[in-house]
């Protein structure tokens, strides 16, 4: 498996990651984007594209991006965390 294939496979775990965080992905939801000041929830799960989308600033996040935000870490640390969570 190539590096790109491994990253693509890990990105497929976004739904699982959101559900582990207590988000019911079967329902539409909104949450705050931590990258900008926002008083009204503006982010939601885009099932068709398997990403979280901010309707306020148009930013798009995959599972690696969300791990980076949640744990305040860089891409490589988030990727390692993702690997530990979802691979055997």
C-alpha atoms as a PDB file:
ATOM      1  CA  UNK A   1       0.000   0.000   0.000  1.00  0.00           C
ATOM      2  CA  UNK A   2       1.347   3.438  -0.894  1.00  0.00           C
ATOM      3  CA  UNK A   3       1.495   6.390   1.506  1.00  0.00           C
ATOM      4  CA  UNK A   4      -1.314   8.097  -0.436  1.00  0.00           C
ATOM      5  CA  UNK A   5      -3.487   4.974  -0.286  1.00  0.00           C
ATOM      6  CA  UNK A   6      -2.928   4.699   3.469  1.00  0.00           C
ATOM      7  CA  UNK A   7      -3.931   8.332   4.010  1.00  0.00           C
ATOM      8  CA  UNK A   8      -7.008   7.876   1.799  1.00  0.00           C
ATOM      9  CA  UNK A   9      -8.018   4.804   3.809  1.00  0.00           C
ATOM     10  CA  UNK A  10      -7.619   6.656   7.112  1.00  0.00           C
ATOM     11  CA  UNK A  11      -9.728   9.544   5.813  1.00  0.00           C
ATOM     12  CA  UNK A  12     -12.537   7.026   5.412  1.00  0.00           C
ATOM     13  CA  UNK A  13     -12.864   6.927   9.209  1.00  0.00           C
ATOM     14  CA  UNK A  14     -14.350  10.412   9.552  1.00  0.00           C
ATOM     15  CA  UNK A  15     -17.849   9.107  10.300  1.00  0.00           C
ATOM     16  CA  UNK A  16     -16.444   6.752  12.965  1.00  0.00           C
ATOM     17  CA  UNK A  17     -14.421   9.575  14.518  1.00  0.00           C
ATOM     18  CA  UNK A  18     -17.444  11.884  14.691  1.00  0.00           C
ATOM     19  CA  UNK A  19     -19.590   9.146  16.222  1.00  0.00           C
ATOM     20  CA  UNK A  20     -16.873   8.388  18.804  1.00  0.00           C
ATOM     21  CA  UNK A  21     -17.072  12.095  19.720  1.00  0.00           C
ATOM     22  CA  UNK A  22     -20.811  11.686  20.383  1.00  0.00           C
ATOM     23  CA  UNK A  23     -22.123  13.050  17.078  1.00  0.00           C
ATOM     24  CA  UNK A  24     -25.018  11.205  15.454  1.00  0.00           C
ATOM     25  CA  UNK A  25     -24.031  11.333  11.778  1.00  0.00           C
ATOM     26  CA  UNK A  26     -27.461  10.050  10.723  1.00  0.00           C
ATOM     27  CA  UNK A  27     -28.867  13.452  11.649  1.00  0.00           C
ATOM     28  CA  UNK A  28     -27.911  16.877  10.361  1.00  0.00           C
ATOM     29  CA  UNK A  29     -25.853  18.713  12.928  1.00  0.00           C
ATOM     30  CA  UNK A  30     -24.051  22.007  13.287  1.00  0.00           C
ATOM     31  CA  UNK A  31     -21.036  22.838  15.425  1.00  0.00           C
ATOM     32  CA  UNK A  32     -18.696  25.782  15.919  1.00  0.00           C
ATOM     33  CA  UNK A  33     -15.575  26.099  13.809  1.00  0.00           C
ATOM     34  CA  UNK A  34     -12.620  26.573  16.165  1.00  0.00           C
ATOM     35  CA  UNK A  35     -10.591  28.358  13.464  1.00  0.00           C
ATOM     36  CA  UNK A  36     -12.620  31.552  13.652  1.00  0.00           C
ATOM     37  CA  UNK A  37     -14.817  33.418  16.061  1.00  0.00           C
ATOM     38  CA  UNK A  38     -18.329  32.219  15.538  1.00  0.00           C
ATOM     39  CA  UNK A  39     -21.302  32.561  17.838  1.00  0.00           C
ATOM     40  CA  UNK A  40     -23.588  30.418  15.715  1.00  0.00           C
ATOM     41  CA  UNK A  41     -22.816  26.803  14.791  1.00  0.00           C
ATOM     42  CA  UNK A  42     -21.760  26.791  11.173  1.00  0.00           C
ATOM     43  CA  UNK A  43     -20.046  23.455  10.511  1.00  0.00           C
ATOM     44  CA  UNK A  44     -21.740  20.219   9.486  1.00  0.00           C
ATOM     45  CA  UNK A  45     -20.943  16.725   8.173  1.00  0.00           C
ATOM     46  CA  UNK A  46     -21.045  16.377   4.392  1.00  0.00           C
ATOM     47  CA  UNK A  47     -21.753  12.661   3.920  1.00  0.00           C
ATOM     48  CA  UNK A  48     -21.431  12.777   0.133  1.00  0.00           C
ATOM     49  CA  UNK A  49     -17.867  14.124   0.272  1.00  0.00           C
ATOM     50  CA  UNK A  50     -16.899  12.525   3.605  1.00  0.00           C
ATOM     51  CA  UNK A  51     -15.795  15.793   5.167  1.00  0.00           C
ATOM     52  CA  UNK A  52     -16.893  18.418   7.629  1.00  0.00           C
ATOM     53  CA  UNK A  53     -17.755  21.709   5.945  1.00  0.00           C
ATOM     54  CA  UNK A  54     -17.914  25.195   7.448  1.00  0.00           C
ATOM     55  CA  UNK A  55     -20.746  27.123   5.870  1.00  0.00           C
ATOM     56  CA  UNK A  56     -19.387  30.406   7.195  1.00  0.00           C
ATOM     57  CA  UNK A  57     -15.853  30.334   5.736  1.00  0.00           C
ATOM     58  CA  UNK A  58     -16.144  27.368   3.305  1.00  0.00           C
ATOM     59  CA  UNK A  59     -13.327  25.432   5.014  1.00  0.00           C
ATOM     60  CA  UNK A  60     -13.405  21.664   4.582  1.00  0.00           C
ATOM     61  CA  UNK A  61     -11.943  19.186   7.083  1.00  0.00           C
ATOM     62  CA  UNK A  62     -11.187  15.472   6.932  1.00  0.00           C
ATOM     63  CA  UNK A  63     -10.555  13.218   9.937  1.00  0.00           C
ATOM     64  CA  UNK A  64      -6.850  14.098  10.053  1.00  0.00           C
ATOM     65  CA  UNK A  65      -7.694  17.803  10.122  1.00  0.00           C
ATOM     66  CA  UNK A  66     -10.196  17.284  12.949  1.00  0.00           C
ATOM     67  CA  UNK A  67      -7.712  15.300  15.014  1.00  0.00           C
ATOM     68  CA  UNK A  68      -5.230  18.161  14.512  1.00  0.00           C
ATOM     69  CA  UNK A  69      -7.846  20.614  15.793  1.00  0.00           C
ATOM     70  CA  UNK A  70      -9.072  18.457  18.670  1.00  0.00           C
ATOM     71  CA  UNK A  71      -5.603  17.604  19.974  1.00  0.00           C
ATOM     72  CA  UNK A  72      -3.794  20.790  18.894  1.00  0.00           C
ATOM     73  CA  UNK A  73      -1.176  18.892  16.920  1.00  0.00           C
ATOM     74  CA  UNK A  74       0.380  19.002  13.462  1.00  0.00           C
ATOM     75  CA  UNK A  75      -0.470  16.819  10.454  1.00  0.00           C
ATOM     76  CA  UNK A  76       2.109  14.092  11.247  1.00  0.00           C
ATOM     77  CA  UNK A  77       1.018  13.793  14.877  1.00  0.00           C
ATOM     78  CA  UNK A  78      -2.627  13.666  13.797  1.00  0.00           C
ATOM     79  CA  UNK A  79      -1.823  11.048  11.182  1.00  0.00           C
ATOM     80  CA  UNK A  80      -0.054   8.913  13.795  1.00  0.00           C
ATOM     81  CA  UNK A  81      -3.030   9.280  16.161  1.00  0.00           C
ATOM     82  CA  UNK A  82      -5.400   8.318  13.340  1.00  0.00           C
ATOM     83  CA  UNK A  83      -3.279   5.239  12.585  1.00  0.00           C
ATOM     84  CA  UNK A  84      -3.298   4.211  16.229  1.00  0.00           C
ATOM     85  CA  UNK A  85      -7.081   4.594  16.469  1.00  0.00           C
ATOM     86  CA  UNK A  86      -8.085   2.834  13.278  1.00  0.00           C
ATOM     87  CA  UNK A  87      -5.445   0.299  12.271  1.00  0.00           C
ATOM     88  CA  UNK A  88      -4.478  -2.967  13.803  1.00  0.00           C
END
